[in-house]
Amino acid sequence: MTVVITIFSALFALLALVVLFGYFRTGHLGLLLIAIAYGASAVLALVLVHWWPLTAGFALAWLMKMMGLEPEVREQSQGGKR
């Protein structure tokens, strides 16, 4: 079980880095908060070696997305193509 927790913690840490990169590109504060939630849950799961911080971090990130803290996706025009 420790190996599974470590793998999922590493995936959450990677996800936090990717979302943090998105924050640096857009400057949207919601992305920073979501990245902190993913990163903190990954670190806490590694320190405690338990599964509940990952579940709590995932739920917290989804709550933030449902509250509208995720930036909206804009479509780009393709120069006449449809």
C-alpha atoms as a PDB file:
ATOM      1  CA  MET A   1       0.000   0.000   0.000  1.00  0.00           C
ATOM      2  CA  THR A   2       2.930   2.317   0.648  1.00  0.00           C
ATOM      3  CA  VAL A   3       4.055   1.998  -2.970  1.00  0.00           C
ATOM      4  CA  VAL A   4       0.586   2.921  -4.257  1.00  0.00           C
ATOM      5  CA  ILE A   5       0.431   5.981  -1.990  1.00  0.00           C
ATOM      6  CA  THR A   6       3.909   7.039  -3.127  1.00  0.00           C
ATOM      7  CA  ILE A   7       2.981   6.672  -6.813  1.00  0.00           C
ATOM      8  CA  PHE A   8      -0.234   8.649  -6.429  1.00  0.00           C
ATOM      9  CA  SER A   9       1.581  11.301  -4.383  1.00  0.00           C
ATOM     10  CA  ALA A  10       4.129  11.663  -7.161  1.00  0.00           C
ATOM     11  CA  LEU A  11       1.319  12.005  -9.709  1.00  0.00           C
ATOM     12  CA  PHE A  12      -0.362  14.669  -7.567  1.00  0.00           C
ATOM     13  CA  ALA A  13       2.941  16.532  -7.243  1.00  0.00           C
ATOM     14  CA  LEU A  14       3.389  16.389 -11.016  1.00  0.00           C
ATOM     15  CA  LEU A  15      -0.165  17.633 -11.486  1.00  0.00           C
ATOM     16  CA  ALA A  16       0.547  20.481  -9.071  1.00  0.00           C
ATOM     17  CA  LEU A  17       3.595  21.483 -11.127  1.00  0.00           C
ATOM     18  CA  VAL A  18       1.604  21.419 -14.364  1.00  0.00           C
ATOM     19  CA  VAL A  19      -1.193  23.538 -12.889  1.00  0.00           C
ATOM     20  CA  LEU A  20       1.413  25.897 -11.408  1.00  0.00           C
ATOM     21  CA  PHE A  21       2.907  26.271 -14.883  1.00  0.00           C
ATOM     22  CA  GLY A  22      -0.578  27.180 -16.111  1.00  0.00           C
ATOM     23  CA  TYR A  23      -0.781  29.814 -13.383  1.00  0.00           C
ATOM     24  CA  PHE A  24       2.491  31.368 -14.513  1.00  0.00           C
ATOM     25  CA  ARG A  25       1.248  31.459 -18.118  1.00  0.00           C
ATOM     26  CA  THR A  26      -2.188  32.957 -17.376  1.00  0.00           C
ATOM     27  CA  GLY A  27      -1.862  34.667 -13.990  1.00  0.00           C
ATOM     28  CA  HIS A  28      -5.254  33.247 -12.927  1.00  0.00           C
ATOM     29  CA  LEU A  29      -5.373  33.072  -9.115  1.00  0.00           C
ATOM     30  CA  GLY A  30      -7.667  30.026  -9.113  1.00  0.00           C
ATOM     31  CA  LEU A  31      -4.975  27.923 -10.752  1.00  0.00           C
ATOM     32  CA  LEU A  32      -2.556  28.841  -7.978  1.00  0.00           C
ATOM     33  CA  LEU A  33      -5.050  27.737  -5.325  1.00  0.00           C
ATOM     34  CA  ILE A  34      -5.720  24.444  -7.124  1.00  0.00           C
ATOM     35  CA  ALA A  35      -1.977  23.814  -7.473  1.00  0.00           C
ATOM     36  CA  ILE A  36      -1.510  24.446  -3.744  1.00  0.00           C
ATOM     37  CA  ALA A  37      -4.306  21.975  -2.945  1.00  0.00           C
ATOM     38  CA  TYR A  38      -2.757  19.252  -5.119  1.00  0.00           C
ATOM     39  CA  GLY A  39       0.770  19.902  -3.868  1.00  0.00           C
ATOM     40  CA  ALA A  40      -0.151  20.070  -0.197  1.00  0.00           C
ATOM     41  CA  SER A  41      -2.128  16.844  -0.412  1.00  0.00           C
ATOM     42  CA  ALA A  42       0.797  15.101  -2.125  1.00  0.00           C
ATOM     43  CA  VAL A  43       3.263  16.223   0.545  1.00  0.00           C
ATOM     44  CA  LEU A  44       0.895  15.376   3.376  1.00  0.00           C
ATOM     45  CA  ALA A  45       0.246  11.894   1.950  1.00  0.00           C
ATOM     46  CA  LEU A  46       3.988  11.278   1.688  1.00  0.00           C
ATOM     47  CA  VAL A  47       4.635  12.456   5.231  1.00  0.00           C
ATOM     48  CA  LEU A  48       1.747  10.553   6.826  1.00  0.00           C
ATOM     49  CA  VAL A  49       1.874   7.581   4.408  1.00  0.00           C
ATOM     50  CA  HIS A  50      -1.904   7.470   4.294  1.00  0.00           C
ATOM     51  CA  TRP A  51      -4.490   7.711   1.511  1.00  0.00           C
ATOM     52  CA  TRP A  52      -6.915  10.282   2.950  1.00  0.00           C
ATOM     53  CA  PRO A  53      -4.852  13.415   2.128  1.00  0.00           C
ATOM     54  CA  LEU A  54      -4.984  12.480  -1.569  1.00  0.00           C
ATOM     55  CA  THR A  55      -8.745  12.063  -1.430  1.00  0.00           C
ATOM     56  CA  ALA A  56      -9.174  15.335   0.442  1.00  0.00           C
ATOM     57  CA  GLY A  57      -6.897  17.210  -1.973  1.00  0.00           C
ATOM     58  CA  PHE A  58      -8.745  15.839  -4.996  1.00  0.00           C
ATOM     59  CA  ALA A  59     -12.125  16.765  -3.481  1.00  0.00           C
ATOM     60  CA  LEU A  60     -10.871  20.242  -2.565  1.00  0.00           C
ATOM     61  CA  ALA A  61      -9.545  20.843  -6.085  1.00  0.00           C
ATOM     62  CA  TRP A  62     -12.860  19.752  -7.618  1.00  0.00           C
ATOM     63  CA  LEU A  63     -14.774  22.007  -5.227  1.00  0.00           C
ATOM     64  CA  MET A  64     -12.627  24.920  -6.369  1.00  0.00           C
ATOM     65  CA  LYS A  65     -13.293  24.024 -10.007  1.00  0.00           C
ATOM     66  CA  MET A  66     -17.039  23.841  -9.354  1.00  0.00           C
ATOM     67  CA  MET A  67     -16.922  27.244  -7.647  1.00  0.00           C
ATOM     68  CA  GLY A  68     -15.504  28.730 -10.840  1.00  0.00           C
ATOM     69  CA  LEU A  69     -11.874  29.177  -9.892  1.00  0.00           C
ATOM     70  CA  GLU A  70     -10.725  27.459 -13.078  1.00  0.00           C
ATOM     71  CA  PRO A  71     -10.255  29.784 -16.072  1.00  0.00           C
ATOM     72  CA  GLU A  72     -12.644  29.439 -18.986  1.00  0.00           C
ATOM     73  CA  VAL A  73     -11.436  27.891 -22.224  1.00  0.00           C
ATOM     74  CA  ARG A  74     -11.444  30.235 -25.218  1.00  0.00           C
ATOM     75  CA  GLU A  75     -11.724  28.976 -28.761  1.00  0.00           C
ATOM     76  CA  GLN A  76      -9.213  30.246 -31.279  1.00  0.00           C
ATOM     77  CA  SER A  77     -10.268  31.072 -34.812  1.00  0.00           C
ATOM     78  CA  GLN A  78      -8.634  29.012 -37.534  1.00  0.00           C
ATOM     79  CA  GLY A  79      -8.434  31.730 -40.189  1.00  0.00           C
ATOM     80  CA  GLY A  80     -11.463  30.786 -42.267  1.00  0.00           C
ATOM     81  CA  LYS A  81     -11.530  27.059 -41.537  1.00  0.00           C
ATOM     82  CA  ARG A  82     -14.538  25.624 -39.783  1.00  0.00           C
END
